[in-house]
Amino acid sequence: MPFESLVTATIESTLNLLVNDDPELVRRLARLKGRTIQVHLRELNKTLTFMFSQSIDVLAGYEGEPDCFLSLNLAILPQLGEQSNITKLIKEDKLTLEGDIQLAQKFSQLMADCKPDIEEWLSRVMGDILAHQLVQSAVGLGRLAKAQTQKHNDHLAQVITEEWKLAPAPLEIVHFCDQVDDVASRAARVEVKLNKLMDSV
């Protein structure tokens, strides 16, 4: 199987798995039935075509005319849910849109909401209680890692400013700025006096 076909097959099966896992997404997919949207990913210079029926088909090559064509960077896709964002992105040249703007919005919202419920998937394999405990432990570990990183960064900043004296401390910067303002103020007063002297001569 060529690499491009492997990528589209992976995207297709993942999207269909996520949609079928959520009854609300299944209803939204039904409203897109018979529509086609083409997305050109600028950073990859690749175009993918999404065809909607009872499922989502993803094609790397498509000869027909899509209902909507988008050219964008992948990071922009979640912003298409709001019409005001679409106008802004087009003006900023971050988005090219041809065709049905409402289809683009519905597609964006569907893609944004296709998020895996890890706890639900794990519960099918190991039961509700164990899955919940595992997910909560992972969340706790994530928070702990974030707190440790922040603590490490704070310690490093303290070492750089107070022990190694490679950078001034925040209070030293404030004091220096105050001194600069004071000097600037004195210089302005001296300039005014000089100008008065010059005028009187």
C-alpha atoms as a PDB file:
ATOM      1  CA  MET A   1       0.000   0.000   0.000  1.00  0.00           C
ATOM      2  CA  PRO A   2       1.482   3.401  -0.985  1.00  0.00           C
ATOM      3  CA  PHE A   3       2.274   5.766   1.878  1.00  0.00           C
ATOM      4  CA  GLU A   4      -0.399   8.320   0.811  1.00  0.00           C
ATOM      5  CA  SER A   5      -3.096   5.627   0.818  1.00  0.00           C
ATOM      6  CA  LEU A   6      -1.929   4.442   4.229  1.00  0.00           C
ATOM      7  CA  VAL A   7      -2.230   7.997   5.621  1.00  0.00           C
ATOM      8  CA  THR A   8      -5.735   8.566   4.195  1.00  0.00           C
ATOM      9  CA  ALA A   9      -6.869   5.122   5.406  1.00  0.00           C
ATOM     10  CA  THR A  10      -5.565   5.900   8.902  1.00  0.00           C
ATOM     11  CA  ILE A  11      -7.320   9.298   8.997  1.00  0.00           C
ATOM     12  CA  GLU A  12     -10.526   7.747   7.654  1.00  0.00           C
ATOM     13  CA  SER A  13     -10.655   4.846  10.109  1.00  0.00           C
ATOM     14  CA  THR A  14      -9.751   7.086  13.075  1.00  0.00           C
ATOM     15  CA  LEU A  15     -12.436   9.661  12.235  1.00  0.00           C
ATOM     16  CA  ASN A  16     -15.098   6.998  11.700  1.00  0.00           C
ATOM     17  CA  LEU A  17     -14.173   5.295  14.975  1.00  0.00           C
ATOM     18  CA  LEU A  18     -14.446   8.583  16.890  1.00  0.00           C
ATOM     19  CA  VAL A  19     -17.709   9.612  15.200  1.00  0.00           C
ATOM     20  CA  ASN A  20     -19.359   6.228  15.764  1.00  0.00           C
ATOM     21  CA  ASP A  21     -18.379   6.421  19.439  1.00  0.00           C
ATOM     22  CA  ASP A  22     -20.568   9.516  19.973  1.00  0.00           C
ATOM     23  CA  PRO A  23     -24.296   9.543  19.020  1.00  0.00           C
ATOM     24  CA  GLU A  24     -24.255  13.356  18.686  1.00  0.00           C
ATOM     25  CA  LEU A  25     -21.430  13.172  16.118  1.00  0.00           C
ATOM     26  CA  VAL A  26     -23.335  10.451  14.234  1.00  0.00           C
ATOM     27  CA  ARG A  27     -26.330  12.840  13.977  1.00  0.00           C
ATOM     28  CA  ARG A  28     -24.091  15.656  12.738  1.00  0.00           C
ATOM     29  CA  LEU A  29     -22.491  13.359  10.157  1.00  0.00           C
ATOM     30  CA  ALA A  30     -25.969  12.450   8.850  1.00  0.00           C
ATOM     31  CA  ARG A  31     -26.629  16.165   8.167  1.00  0.00           C
ATOM     32  CA  LEU A  32     -23.496  16.247   5.949  1.00  0.00           C
ATOM     33  CA  LYS A  33     -24.564  13.220   3.880  1.00  0.00           C
ATOM     34  CA  GLY A  34     -23.872  13.628   0.166  1.00  0.00           C
ATOM     35  CA  ARG A  35     -21.537  16.609   0.627  1.00  0.00           C
ATOM     36  CA  THR A  36     -17.865  16.819  -0.316  1.00  0.00           C
ATOM     37  CA  ILE A  37     -15.198  19.076   1.132  1.00  0.00           C
ATOM     38  CA  GLN A  38     -11.632  19.406  -0.064  1.00  0.00           C
ATOM     39  CA  VAL A  39      -8.874  20.604   2.255  1.00  0.00           C
ATOM     40  CA  HIS A  40      -5.475  21.735   0.988  1.00  0.00           C
ATOM     41  CA  LEU A  41      -2.917  21.587   3.826  1.00  0.00           C
ATOM     42  CA  ARG A  42      -0.391  24.294   3.046  1.00  0.00           C
ATOM     43  CA  GLU A  43       2.419  23.052   5.293  1.00  0.00           C
ATOM     44  CA  LEU A  44       2.336  19.630   3.620  1.00  0.00           C
ATOM     45  CA  ASN A  45       1.259  20.832   0.157  1.00  0.00           C
ATOM     46  CA  LYS A  46      -1.303  17.997   0.125  1.00  0.00           C
ATOM     47  CA  THR A  47      -5.016  18.001  -0.662  1.00  0.00           C
ATOM     48  CA  LEU A  48      -7.438  15.651   1.080  1.00  0.00           C
ATOM     49  CA  THR A  49     -11.050  15.154   0.029  1.00  0.00           C
ATOM     50  CA  PHE A  50     -13.670  14.276   2.649  1.00  0.00           C
ATOM     51  CA  MET A  51     -16.842  12.649   1.328  1.00  0.00           C
ATOM     52  CA  PHE A  52     -19.761  12.217   3.732  1.00  0.00           C
ATOM     53  CA  SER A  53     -22.264   9.357   3.641  1.00  0.00           C
ATOM     54  CA  GLN A  54     -23.074   6.927   6.497  1.00  0.00           C
ATOM     55  CA  SER A  55     -19.352   7.253   7.167  1.00  0.00           C
ATOM     56  CA  ILE A  56     -16.493   9.558   6.199  1.00  0.00           C
ATOM     57  CA  ASP A  57     -14.391   8.651   3.168  1.00  0.00           C
ATOM     58  CA  VAL A  58     -10.975  10.328   2.866  1.00  0.00           C
ATOM     59  CA  LEU A  59      -9.346  10.451  -0.565  1.00  0.00           C
ATOM     60  CA  ALA A  60      -5.932  11.703  -1.650  1.00  0.00           C
ATOM     61  CA  GLY A  61      -7.062  12.093  -5.269  1.00  0.00           C
ATOM     62  CA  TYR A  62     -10.457  13.402  -6.439  1.00  0.00           C
ATOM     63  CA  GLU A  63     -11.455  14.524  -9.914  1.00  0.00           C
ATOM     64  CA  GLY A  64     -14.915  15.943  -9.127  1.00  0.00           C
ATOM     65  CA  GLU A  65     -15.985  19.410  -7.981  1.00  0.00           C
ATOM     66  CA  PRO A  66     -16.238  19.673  -4.169  1.00  0.00           C
ATOM     67  CA  ASP A  67     -19.041  21.596  -2.417  1.00  0.00           C
ATOM     68  CA  CYS A  68     -16.363  23.484  -0.508  1.00  0.00           C
ATOM     69  CA  PHE A  69     -12.628  23.984  -0.959  1.00  0.00           C
ATOM     70  CA  LEU A  70     -10.332  25.142   1.850  1.00  0.00           C
ATOM     71  CA  SER A  71      -6.655  25.992   1.719  1.00  0.00           C
ATOM     72  CA  LEU A  72      -5.092  26.492   5.147  1.00  0.00           C
ATOM     73  CA  ASN A  73      -2.554  25.464   7.741  1.00  0.00           C
ATOM     74  CA  LEU A  74      -3.754  22.613   9.936  1.00  0.00           C
ATOM     75  CA  ALA A  75      -3.625  24.765  13.097  1.00  0.00           C
ATOM     76  CA  ILE A  76      -6.314  27.081  11.616  1.00  0.00           C
ATOM     77  CA  LEU A  77      -8.966  24.319  11.284  1.00  0.00           C
ATOM     78  CA  PRO A  78     -10.431  24.617  14.836  1.00  0.00           C
ATOM     79  CA  GLN A  79     -11.033  28.356  14.292  1.00  0.00           C
ATOM     80  CA  LEU A  80     -13.459  27.817  11.396  1.00  0.00           C
ATOM     81  CA  GLY A  81     -16.409  27.077  13.697  1.00  0.00           C
ATOM     82  CA  GLU A  82     -17.124  30.825  14.074  1.00  0.00           C
ATOM     83  CA  GLN A  83     -18.111  32.756  10.941  1.00  0.00           C
ATOM     84  CA  SER A  84     -16.398  35.907  12.257  1.00  0.00           C
ATOM     85  CA  ASN A  85     -13.135  33.937  12.425  1.00  0.00           C
ATOM     86  CA  ILE A  86     -13.522  32.821   8.800  1.00  0.00           C
ATOM     87  CA  THR A  87     -13.791  36.427   7.550  1.00  0.00           C
ATOM     88  CA  LYS A  88     -10.794  37.447   9.693  1.00  0.00           C
ATOM     89  CA  LEU A  89      -8.656  34.505   8.511  1.00  0.00           C
ATOM     90  CA  ILE A  90      -9.469  35.230   4.848  1.00  0.00           C
ATOM     91  CA  LYS A  91      -8.468  38.909   5.311  1.00  0.00           C
ATOM     92  CA  GLU A  92      -5.222  37.831   6.996  1.00  0.00           C
ATOM     93  CA  ASP A  93      -4.530  35.468   4.049  1.00  0.00           C
ATOM     94  CA  LYS A  94      -4.450  32.481   6.414  1.00  0.00           C
ATOM     95  CA  LEU A  95      -7.434  30.861   4.668  1.00  0.00           C
ATOM     96  CA  THR A  96      -8.682  30.465   1.110  1.00  0.00           C
ATOM     97  CA  LEU A  97     -12.325  29.385   0.931  1.00  0.00           C
ATOM     98  CA  GLU A  98     -14.367  28.591  -2.163  1.00  0.00           C
ATOM     99  CA  GLY A  99     -17.934  27.299  -2.006  1.00  0.00           C
ATOM    100  CA  ASP A 100     -20.280  26.631   0.901  1.00  0.00           C
ATOM    101  CA  ILE A 101     -19.125  28.549   4.000  1.00  0.00           C
ATOM    102  CA  GLN A 102     -21.657  26.783   6.263  1.00  0.00           C
ATOM    103  CA  LEU A 103     -20.306  23.402   5.178  1.00  0.00           C
ATOM    104  CA  ALA A 104     -16.824  24.605   6.172  1.00  0.00           C
ATOM    105  CA  GLN A 105     -18.147  25.565   9.617  1.00  0.00           C
ATOM    106  CA  LYS A 106     -19.957  22.246  10.140  1.00  0.00           C
ATOM    107  CA  PHE A 107     -16.858  20.337   9.014  1.00  0.00           C
ATOM    108  CA  SER A 108     -14.634  22.349  11.373  1.00  0.00           C
ATOM    109  CA  GLN A 109     -16.948  21.740  14.337  1.00  0.00           C
ATOM    110  CA  LEU A 110     -17.130  18.007  13.557  1.00  0.00           C
ATOM    111  CA  MET A 111     -13.320  17.749  13.378  1.00  0.00           C
ATOM    112  CA  ALA A 112     -12.881  19.787  16.587  1.00  0.00           C
ATOM    113  CA  ASP A 113     -15.329  17.549  18.481  1.00  0.00           C
ATOM    114  CA  CYS A 114     -13.767  14.273  17.290  1.00  0.00           C
ATOM    115  CA  LYS A 115     -11.821  13.762  20.501  1.00  0.00           C
ATOM    116  CA  PRO A 116     -11.239  10.331  21.983  1.00  0.00           C
ATOM    117  CA  ASP A 117     -12.757   9.576  25.383  1.00  0.00           C
ATOM    118  CA  ILE A 118      -9.809   7.619  26.773  1.00  0.00           C
ATOM    119  CA  GLU A 119     -11.633   6.685  29.969  1.00  0.00           C
ATOM    120  CA  GLU A 120     -14.581   5.256  28.005  1.00  0.00           C
ATOM    121  CA  TRP A 121     -12.288   3.185  25.781  1.00  0.00           C
ATOM    122  CA  LEU A 122     -10.279   1.862  28.723  1.00  0.00           C
ATOM    123  CA  SER A 123     -13.466   0.966  30.614  1.00  0.00           C
ATOM    124  CA  ARG A 124     -14.398  -1.455  27.814  1.00  0.00           C
ATOM    125  CA  VAL A 125     -11.152  -3.321  28.373  1.00  0.00           C
ATOM    126  CA  MET A 126     -10.610  -3.112  32.147  1.00  0.00           C
ATOM    127  CA  GLY A 127     -13.906  -1.975  33.676  1.00  0.00           C
ATOM    128  CA  ASP A 128     -15.218   1.412  34.820  1.00  0.00           C
ATOM    129  CA  ILE A 129     -13.524   1.639  38.233  1.00  0.00           C
ATOM    130  CA  LEU A 130     -10.026   0.668  37.073  1.00  0.00           C
ATOM    131  CA  ALA A 131     -10.276   2.901  33.967  1.00  0.00           C
ATOM    132  CA  HIS A 132     -11.372   5.873  36.094  1.00  0.00           C
ATOM    133  CA  GLN A 133      -8.522   5.321  38.578  1.00  0.00           C
ATOM    134  CA  LEU A 134      -5.984   5.000  35.768  1.00  0.00           C
ATOM    135  CA  VAL A 135      -7.132   8.203  34.050  1.00  0.00           C
ATOM    136  CA  GLN A 136      -7.222  10.132  37.351  1.00  0.00           C
ATOM    137  CA  SER A 137      -3.704   8.877  38.164  1.00  0.00           C
ATOM    138  CA  ALA A 138      -2.495  10.045  34.740  1.00  0.00           C
ATOM    139  CA  VAL A 139      -4.109  13.466  35.300  1.00  0.00           C
ATOM    140  CA  GLY A 140      -2.472  13.665  38.746  1.00  0.00           C
ATOM    141  CA  LEU A 141       0.924  12.745  37.289  1.00  0.00           C
ATOM    142  CA  GLY A 142       0.486  15.417  34.610  1.00  0.00           C
ATOM    143  CA  ARG A 143      -0.252  18.057  37.272  1.00  0.00           C
ATOM    144  CA  LEU A 144       2.707  16.891  39.359  1.00  0.00           C
ATOM    145  CA  ALA A 145       5.047  17.059  36.344  1.00  0.00           C
ATOM    146  CA  LYS A 146       3.796  20.572  35.541  1.00  0.00           C
ATOM    147  CA  ALA A 147       4.313  21.695  39.153  1.00  0.00           C
ATOM    148  CA  GLN A 148       7.821  20.175  39.235  1.00  0.00           C
ATOM    149  CA  THR A 149       8.730  21.898  35.957  1.00  0.00           C
ATOM    150  CA  GLN A 150       7.526  25.254  37.328  1.00  0.00           C
ATOM    151  CA  LYS A 151       9.471  24.692  40.553  1.00  0.00           C
ATOM    152  CA  HIS A 152      12.609  23.806  38.567  1.00  0.00           C
ATOM    153  CA  ASN A 153      12.215  26.934  36.387  1.00  0.00           C
ATOM    154  CA  ASP A 154      11.767  29.142  39.466  1.00  0.00           C
ATOM    155  CA  HIS A 155      14.863  27.599  41.097  1.00  0.00           C
ATOM    156  CA  LEU A 156      16.908  28.074  37.910  1.00  0.00           C
ATOM    157  CA  ALA A 157      15.829  31.729  37.685  1.00  0.00           C
ATOM    158  CA  GLN A 158      16.837  32.230  41.315  1.00  0.00           C
ATOM    159  CA  VAL A 159      20.267  30.624  40.750  1.00  0.00           C
ATOM    160  CA  ILE A 160      20.901  32.732  37.613  1.00  0.00           C
ATOM    161  CA  THR A 161      19.969  36.025  39.300  1.00  0.00           C
ATOM    162  CA  GLU A 162      21.122  35.553  42.915  1.00  0.00           C
ATOM    163  CA  GLU A 163      23.965  33.019  42.938  1.00  0.00           C
ATOM    164  CA  TRP A 164      25.616  33.282  39.525  1.00  0.00           C
ATOM    165  CA  LYS A 165      24.695  36.973  39.036  1.00  0.00           C
ATOM    166  CA  LEU A 166      24.270  36.349  35.299  1.00  0.00           C
ATOM    167  CA  ALA A 167      21.077  38.432  35.213  1.00  0.00           C
ATOM    168  CA  PRO A 168      19.696  41.140  37.476  1.00  0.00           C
ATOM    169  CA  ALA A 169      16.920  40.326  39.938  1.00  0.00           C
ATOM    170  CA  PRO A 170      13.447  41.794  39.232  1.00  0.00           C
ATOM    171  CA  LEU A 171      13.818  44.392  42.031  1.00  0.00           C
ATOM    172  CA  GLU A 172      17.189  45.479  40.646  1.00  0.00           C
ATOM    173  CA  ILE A 173      15.599  45.998  37.220  1.00  0.00           C
ATOM    174  CA  VAL A 174      12.811  48.113  38.774  1.00  0.00           C
ATOM    175  CA  HIS A 175      15.375  50.167  40.738  1.00  0.00           C
ATOM    176  CA  PHE A 176      17.484  50.684  37.588  1.00  0.00           C
ATOM    177  CA  CYS A 177      14.403  51.819  35.609  1.00  0.00           C
ATOM    178  CA  ASP A 178      13.558  54.289  38.390  1.00  0.00           C
ATOM    179  CA  GLN A 179      17.094  55.655  38.242  1.00  0.00           C
ATOM    180  CA  VAL A 180      16.893  56.016  34.446  1.00  0.00           C
ATOM    181  CA  ASP A 181      13.584  57.910  34.794  1.00  0.00           C
ATOM    182  CA  ASP A 182      15.154  60.172  37.431  1.00  0.00           C
ATOM    183  CA  VAL A 183      18.158  60.943  35.201  1.00  0.00           C
ATOM    184  CA  ALA A 184      15.858  61.615  32.226  1.00  0.00           C
ATOM    185  CA  SER A 185      13.773  63.977  34.362  1.00  0.00           C
ATOM    186  CA  ARG A 186      16.881  65.881  35.547  1.00  0.00           C
ATOM    187  CA  ALA A 187      18.200  66.096  31.984  1.00  0.00           C
ATOM    188  CA  ALA A 188      14.879  67.570  30.839  1.00  0.00           C
ATOM    189  CA  ARG A 189      15.029  70.214  33.612  1.00  0.00           C
ATOM    190  CA  VAL A 190      18.628  71.110  32.684  1.00  0.00           C
ATOM    191  CA  GLU A 191      17.607  71.416  29.008  1.00  0.00           C
ATOM    192  CA  VAL A 192      14.773  73.800  29.920  1.00  0.00           C
ATOM    193  CA  LYS A 193      17.202  75.969  31.969  1.00  0.00           C
ATOM    194  CA  LEU A 194      19.753  75.975  29.107  1.00  0.00           C
ATOM    195  CA  ASN A 195      17.081  77.025  26.611  1.00  0.00           C
ATOM    196  CA  LYS A 196      16.028  79.894  28.905  1.00  0.00           C
ATOM    197  CA  LEU A 197      19.667  81.004  29.217  1.00  0.00           C
ATOM    198  CA  MET A 198      20.139  80.859  25.449  1.00  0.00           C
ATOM    199  CA  ASP A 199      16.972  82.907  24.894  1.00  0.00           C
ATOM    200  CA  SER A 200      18.093  85.565  27.364  1.00  0.00           C
ATOM    201  CA  VAL A 201      21.504  86.062  25.668  1.00  0.00           C
END
